[in-house]
Amino acid sequence: MRRVVVTDSNFPALDREQTATVAEGAEFAPHQCRTAAEVESALRNADVAVVQFAPVTAAAIAAMAPGGRLIRYGVGFNNIDVVAARTSGRDVAYVPDYCTDEVADHTAALALALCRQVIAFDNDVRAGRWGVKHLPREIAPPEKMTVGLLGLGRIGRATLARLAPFGFSFLVSDPALSAAEAASFGVTPTDRSTLLAQADLVILHLPLSDGTHHAIDAAALRGMKRGALLVNTSRGGLIDETALAEALSSGHIGGAALDVFETEPLEADSPLRRAPNLILSPHAAWYSNAALDRLQSLVADEITRALQGRAPRCPVPPQG
């Protein structure tokens, strides 16, 4: 009998996925794997592997049935050895479009909260202070600020659409962005170092890869304007967190907002917990009841496609 294995998930139930599996006459096997070894054991002879956060190595992929398919719950796929899957003739599908609006909303909300220093105001009121004289920095109007978008994919464009009406100017660094597209979006294309040097607010919309790991490191932070702001709702590994904590403590970076971290949940001894002018949220930018429903429904559809021998709705792109 064919097998559909869920390596791990944090959802209340997997009814849609199980229903799709049983409808095709396959066995449904949910797990809560945490380690690569656990994943390899769970995927032995699996025809379909559905993965959330667990690491899927080349060894785990090799343990699957020939021609099997991997399906990733979510937008990213850096926990899967995509090259090994492709080399062995196995498809990798993902769900890049289930939470575009939610992440863009969250990103814009964090950006505006930083610009308006909402958390500082809240802290002042709770501490018995009143007025604006205790603010850590000046508040500039949007028309006097430049937003730098590192990456302008699906979510980056949705974030741009939300922030543009406020009057910000925009710089974008994205090698896939053509001059015609940049003009149509009303943004100025540039290289990464120029963007970091000129932007008052930097927003990350990059995938995590060998080429983007710690794209914002100590050197990049030093290259940013003094007092600049930083928002990351993409992947935690894009930022050297120790370097960011130091830049916030020194005041070189005026504020930051992070929804994603290199280790999740955020470690108790992380220097970010002690850094000033920092907004933290628990990898929740994707979340709404509607997004959760879309995610599981679309994964269930991918399970059906795999068991019926049809192509994935959303295969991981070649550059993946």
Protein backbone atom coordinates (compact mmCIF):
# COMPACT_ATOMS: atom_id res chain seq x y z
CA MET A 1 0.00 0.00 0.00
CA ARG A 2 1.24 3.51 -0.82
CA ARG A 3 2.17 5.67 2.18
CA VAL A 4 1.77 9.36 2.90
CA VAL A 5 3.97 10.45 5.80
CA VAL A 6 3.67 13.77 7.63
CA THR A 7 7.05 14.25 9.26
CA ASP A 8 5.91 17.03 11.61
CA SER A 9 3.22 19.68 12.05
CA ASN A 10 1.90 22.14 14.62
CA PHE A 11 -1.73 22.19 13.48
CA PRO A 12 -4.72 21.28 15.66
CA ALA A 13 -5.71 18.44 13.28
CA LEU A 14 -4.74 16.86 9.96
CA ASP A 15 -8.22 15.90 8.81
CA ARG A 16 -7.91 17.33 5.28
CA GLU A 17 -4.59 15.63 4.65
CA GLN A 18 -5.85 12.30 5.98
CA THR A 19 -9.08 12.48 3.97
CA ALA A 20 -7.16 13.19 0.75
CA THR A 21 -4.83 10.25 1.45
CA VAL A 22 -7.55 7.72 2.29
CA ALA A 23 -9.61 8.77 -0.75
CA GLU A 24 -6.75 7.54 -2.94
CA GLY A 25 -6.43 4.25 -1.08
CA ALA A 26 -3.17 5.12 0.66
CA GLU A 27 -1.99 4.79 4.25
CA PHE A 28 -1.69 8.00 6.31
CA ALA A 29 1.14 8.15 8.87
CA PRO A 30 1.57 11.34 10.93
CA HIS A 31 4.73 11.87 13.01
CA GLN A 32 6.35 14.60 15.07
CA CYS A 33 9.96 14.26 13.95
CA ARG A 34 12.56 16.69 15.22
CA THR A 35 15.88 15.24 14.10
CA ALA A 36 17.25 14.19 10.72
CA ALA A 37 17.50 10.60 11.96
CA GLU A 38 13.84 10.57 12.98
CA VAL A 39 12.84 11.92 9.58
CA GLU A 40 14.91 9.30 7.76
CA SER A 41 13.23 6.54 9.75
CA ALA A 42 9.73 7.93 9.19
CA LEU A 43 10.21 8.34 5.43
CA ARG A 44 11.38 4.80 4.76
CA ASN A 45 9.42 3.64 1.67
CA ALA A 46 7.10 6.66 1.81
CA ASP A 47 5.50 7.67 -1.49
CA VAL A 48 4.65 11.18 -0.31
CA ALA A 49 6.40 13.17 2.43
CA VAL A 50 4.69 16.24 3.90
CA VAL A 51 7.14 18.38 5.85
CA GLN A 52 6.86 21.46 8.03
CA PHE A 53 10.00 22.26 10.04
CA ALA A 54 11.90 18.96 10.30
CA PRO A 55 15.22 18.63 8.40
CA VAL A 56 14.95 16.44 5.30
CA THR A 57 18.42 15.28 4.30
CA ALA A 58 19.67 13.43 1.24
CA ALA A 59 19.66 10.23 3.30
CA ALA A 60 16.01 10.71 4.25
CA ILE A 61 15.07 11.36 0.63
CA ALA A 62 16.95 8.25 -0.51
CA ALA A 63 14.92 6.20 1.98
CA MET A 64 11.67 7.15 0.21
CA ALA A 65 10.00 5.04 -2.46
CA PRO A 66 11.36 5.70 -5.96
CA GLY A 67 9.66 8.63 -7.65
CA GLY A 68 8.19 9.91 -4.37
CA ARG A 69 7.19 13.50 -3.82
CA LEU A 70 7.98 15.95 -1.02
CA ILE A 71 5.49 18.66 -0.05
CA ARG A 72 6.51 21.56 2.18
CA TYR A 73 3.94 23.26 4.41
CA GLY A 74 4.70 26.89 3.62
CA VAL A 75 6.65 29.40 1.57
CA GLY A 76 10.25 28.43 2.30
CA PHE A 77 11.97 25.12 1.63
CA ASN A 78 15.45 25.57 3.09
CA ASN A 79 14.95 22.60 5.46
CA ILE A 80 14.76 20.23 2.46
CA ASP A 81 17.75 19.09 0.40
CA VAL A 82 16.10 20.10 -2.87
CA VAL A 83 19.16 19.22 -4.95
CA ALA A 84 19.20 15.67 -3.58
CA ALA A 85 15.48 15.33 -4.30
CA ARG A 86 15.86 16.50 -7.87
CA THR A 87 18.94 14.38 -8.49
CA SER A 88 17.03 11.30 -7.35
CA GLY A 89 14.03 12.09 -9.56
CA ARG A 90 11.68 13.23 -6.79
CA ASP A 91 9.49 16.34 -7.07
CA VAL A 92 9.38 19.00 -4.36
CA ALA A 93 6.19 21.05 -4.01
CA TYR A 94 5.51 24.00 -1.71
CA VAL A 95 2.75 26.51 -0.95
CA PRO A 96 4.10 30.00 -1.67
CA ASP A 97 0.76 31.75 -1.92
CA TYR A 98 -1.25 30.81 1.15
CA CYS A 99 -0.33 33.77 3.38
CA THR A 100 0.84 36.60 1.11
CA ASP A 101 -1.62 39.14 2.51
CA GLU A 102 -1.05 38.13 6.11
CA VAL A 103 2.75 38.46 5.91
CA ALA A 104 2.52 41.74 4.02
CA ASP A 105 0.07 43.10 6.61
CA HIS A 106 2.34 42.04 9.47
CA THR A 107 5.42 43.47 7.78
CA ALA A 108 3.77 46.81 7.12
CA ALA A 109 2.42 46.92 10.68
CA LEU A 110 5.89 46.31 12.14
CA ALA A 111 7.42 48.91 9.84
CA LEU A 112 4.89 51.58 10.81
CA ALA A 113 5.17 50.70 14.50
CA LEU A 114 8.94 51.25 14.26
CA CYS A 115 8.57 54.52 12.37
CA ARG A 116 6.01 55.87 14.84
CA GLN A 117 7.82 54.37 17.88
CA VAL A 118 4.59 52.83 19.15
CA ILE A 119 6.37 50.49 21.59
CA ALA A 120 8.37 53.37 23.11
CA PHE A 121 5.17 55.35 23.66
CA ASP A 122 3.52 52.32 25.27
CA ASN A 123 6.49 51.79 27.58
CA ASP A 124 6.46 55.47 28.60
CA VAL A 125 2.79 55.47 29.53
CA ARG A 126 3.15 52.26 31.53
CA ALA A 127 6.14 53.76 33.37
CA GLY A 128 4.22 56.91 34.28
CA ARG A 129 5.88 59.15 31.71
CA TRP A 130 3.89 61.44 29.43
CA GLY A 131 4.69 63.32 26.26
CA VAL A 132 7.34 62.88 23.58
CA LYS A 133 10.56 64.08 25.22
CA HIS A 134 11.65 60.56 26.23
CA LEU A 135 11.65 59.10 22.72
CA PRO A 136 14.93 57.38 21.73
CA ARG A 137 15.02 59.16 18.35
CA GLU A 138 13.22 61.68 16.19
CA ILE A 139 10.12 60.69 14.22
CA ALA A 140 10.38 61.53 10.54
CA PRO A 141 7.33 61.77 8.25
CA PRO A 142 7.09 59.05 5.56
CA GLU A 143 7.67 61.53 2.73
CA LYS A 144 11.10 62.21 4.23
CA MET A 145 12.01 58.51 4.48
CA THR A 146 13.40 55.98 2.02
CA VAL A 147 12.38 52.36 2.37
CA GLY A 148 14.82 49.77 1.02
CA LEU A 149 13.30 46.46 -0.02
CA LEU A 150 15.79 43.60 -0.28
CA GLY A 151 13.81 41.32 -2.58
CA LEU A 152 10.60 42.10 -4.45
CA GLY A 153 8.85 38.81 -4.91
CA ARG A 154 5.20 38.06 -4.21
CA ILE A 155 5.25 39.20 -0.56
CA GLY A 156 7.63 42.09 -1.22
CA ARG A 157 5.26 43.50 -3.82
CA ALA A 158 2.31 43.13 -1.46
CA THR A 159 4.26 44.99 1.25
CA LEU A 160 5.14 47.73 -1.24
CA ALA A 161 1.46 48.13 -2.12
CA ARG A 162 0.60 48.63 1.55
CA LEU A 163 3.35 51.15 2.31
CA ALA A 164 3.33 53.20 -0.90
CA PRO A 165 0.20 55.26 -0.01
CA PHE A 166 2.00 56.70 3.03
CA GLY A 167 4.41 58.60 0.78
CA PHE A 168 7.70 56.74 1.31
CA SER A 169 10.32 56.62 -1.43
CA PHE A 170 11.50 53.12 -2.35
CA LEU A 171 14.80 51.52 -3.29
CA VAL A 172 14.79 47.88 -4.37
CA SER A 173 17.61 45.36 -4.71
CA ASP A 174 16.44 42.29 -6.62
CA PRO A 175 18.38 40.78 -9.54
CA ALA A 176 15.13 39.46 -11.03
CA LEU A 177 13.57 42.94 -11.23
CA SER A 178 13.69 44.49 -14.70
CA ALA A 179 13.92 48.22 -15.31
CA ALA A 180 10.42 48.19 -16.82
CA GLU A 181 8.99 46.43 -13.76
CA ALA A 182 10.74 48.85 -11.42
CA ALA A 183 9.24 51.80 -13.31
CA SER A 184 5.77 50.25 -13.18
CA PHE A 185 6.05 49.80 -9.40
CA GLY A 186 7.44 53.30 -8.87
CA VAL A 187 10.65 52.08 -7.25
CA THR A 188 14.34 52.72 -7.91
CA PRO A 189 16.44 49.59 -8.56
CA THR A 190 19.90 49.53 -7.05
CA ASP A 191 22.51 47.17 -5.62
CA ARG A 192 22.43 45.87 -2.07
CA SER A 193 25.25 47.99 -0.64
CA THR A 194 23.79 51.22 -2.05
CA LEU A 195 20.38 50.35 -0.67
CA LEU A 196 21.78 49.69 2.80
CA ALA A 197 23.72 52.96 2.74
CA GLN A 198 20.77 55.11 1.68
CA ALA A 199 17.63 53.55 3.19
CA ASP A 200 16.09 54.84 6.41
CA LEU A 201 14.12 51.61 6.75
CA VAL A 202 15.32 48.25 5.37
CA ILE A 203 12.82 45.42 4.89
CA LEU A 204 13.99 41.89 4.09
CA HIS A 205 12.04 39.80 1.59
CA LEU A 206 14.76 37.32 0.66
CA PRO A 207 14.76 33.52 0.59
CA LEU A 208 17.35 31.82 2.79
CA SER A 209 20.17 30.17 0.86
CA ASP A 210 23.94 29.84 1.02
CA GLY A 211 24.15 33.17 -0.78
CA THR A 212 21.82 35.04 1.58
CA HIS A 213 22.76 33.50 4.94
CA HIS A 214 23.72 36.40 7.23
CA ALA A 215 23.19 38.86 4.39
CA ILE A 216 22.79 41.35 7.24
CA ASP A 217 26.00 40.78 9.15
CA ALA A 218 28.23 43.16 11.13
CA ALA A 219 29.67 44.67 7.95
CA ALA A 220 26.24 45.20 6.40
CA LEU A 221 24.97 46.81 9.59
CA ARG A 222 27.96 49.16 9.66
CA GLY A 223 27.11 50.09 6.08
CA MET A 224 23.60 51.21 7.04
CA LYS A 225 22.73 54.79 7.96
CA ARG A 226 23.09 55.60 11.64
CA GLY A 227 19.64 55.35 13.19
CA ALA A 228 18.23 53.22 10.33
CA LEU A 229 15.44 50.73 10.99
CA LEU A 230 15.28 47.05 10.04
CA VAL A 231 12.34 44.63 9.57
CA ASN A 232 12.59 40.89 8.92
CA THR A 233 9.57 38.64 8.39
CA SER A 234 11.32 36.31 5.92
CA ARG A 235 13.88 33.93 7.45
CA GLY A 236 15.88 34.27 10.66
CA GLY A 237 19.12 33.12 9.07
CA LEU A 238 19.28 36.28 6.96
CA ILE A 239 20.55 38.23 9.99
CA ASP A 240 23.56 37.77 12.26
CA GLU A 241 21.59 38.17 15.46
CA THR A 242 24.59 38.86 17.70
CA ALA A 243 25.74 41.62 15.36
CA LEU A 244 22.24 43.12 15.27
CA ALA A 245 21.97 43.11 19.08
CA GLU A 246 25.30 44.94 19.28
CA ALA A 247 24.25 47.48 16.63
CA LEU A 248 21.01 48.17 18.51
CA SER A 249 22.82 48.51 21.84
CA SER A 250 25.33 50.95 20.36
CA GLY A 251 22.56 53.00 18.76
CA HIS A 252 23.92 52.61 15.24
CA ILE A 253 20.69 50.83 14.30
CA GLY A 254 17.77 52.87 15.60
CA GLY A 255 15.30 50.04 15.85
CA ALA A 256 14.35 46.66 14.47
CA ALA A 257 11.36 44.33 14.27
CA LEU A 258 11.80 40.57 13.86
CA ASP A 259 9.24 37.83 13.34
CA VAL A 260 11.76 35.10 12.47
CA PHE A 261 14.92 33.83 14.16
CA GLU A 262 17.81 31.47 13.49
CA THR A 263 16.66 29.19 16.31
CA GLU A 264 12.96 28.97 17.05
CA PRO A 265 11.56 29.38 19.62
CA LEU A 266 13.96 32.22 20.42
CA GLU A 267 16.55 30.95 22.89
CA ALA A 268 16.34 32.18 26.47
CA ASP A 269 19.90 33.48 26.38
CA SER A 270 19.64 35.16 22.97
CA PRO A 271 21.24 38.63 22.99
CA LEU A 272 18.16 39.87 21.16
CA ARG A 273 16.16 39.56 24.38
CA ARG A 274 18.34 42.27 25.94
CA ALA A 275 18.61 44.55 22.91
CA PRO A 276 16.86 47.94 23.05
CA ASN A 277 14.37 49.32 20.52
CA LEU A 278 13.47 45.87 19.24
CA ILE A 279 10.01 44.46 18.50
CA LEU A 280 9.71 40.67 18.60
CA SER A 281 6.90 38.44 17.36
CA PRO A 282 6.84 34.62 17.40
CA HIS A 283 7.02 33.69 13.68
CA ALA A 284 3.37 34.69 13.44
CA ALA A 285 3.31 36.90 10.34
CA TRP A 286 1.76 34.07 8.33
CA TYR A 287 -1.09 33.47 10.71
CA SER A 288 -4.81 33.95 10.30
CA ASN A 289 -7.60 31.40 10.50
CA ALA A 290 -8.11 31.81 6.76
CA ALA A 291 -4.41 31.30 5.99
CA LEU A 292 -4.27 28.14 8.09
CA ASP A 293 -7.29 26.78 6.24
CA ARG A 294 -5.74 27.64 2.86
CA LEU A 295 -2.43 26.03 3.77
CA GLN A 296 -3.86 22.69 4.81
CA SER A 297 -6.37 22.62 1.94
CA LEU A 298 -3.65 23.30 -0.63
CA VAL A 299 -1.38 20.64 0.89
CA ALA A 300 -4.25 18.16 0.78
CA ASP A 301 -4.66 19.00 -2.91
CA GLU A 302 -0.93 18.38 -3.46
CA ILE A 303 -1.28 14.98 -1.77
CA THR A 304 -4.09 14.10 -4.17
CA ARG A 305 -2.02 15.24 -7.14
CA ALA A 306 0.94 13.17 -6.04
CA LEU A 307 -1.07 10.01 -5.50
CA GLN A 308 -2.81 10.45 -8.86
CA GLY A 309 0.50 10.93 -10.65
CA ARG A 310 -0.21 14.54 -11.59
CA ALA A 311 2.34 17.36 -11.60
CA PRO A 312 2.59 19.59 -8.52
CA ARG A 313 0.50 22.77 -8.46
CA CYS A 314 3.51 24.71 -7.18
CA PRO A 315 6.85 22.97 -7.73
CA VAL A 316 9.88 24.53 -6.07
CA PRO A 317 11.46 26.73 -8.79
CA PRO A 318 14.69 25.65 -10.50
CA GLN A 319 16.82 28.15 -8.59
CA GLY A 320 15.57 26.49 -5.40
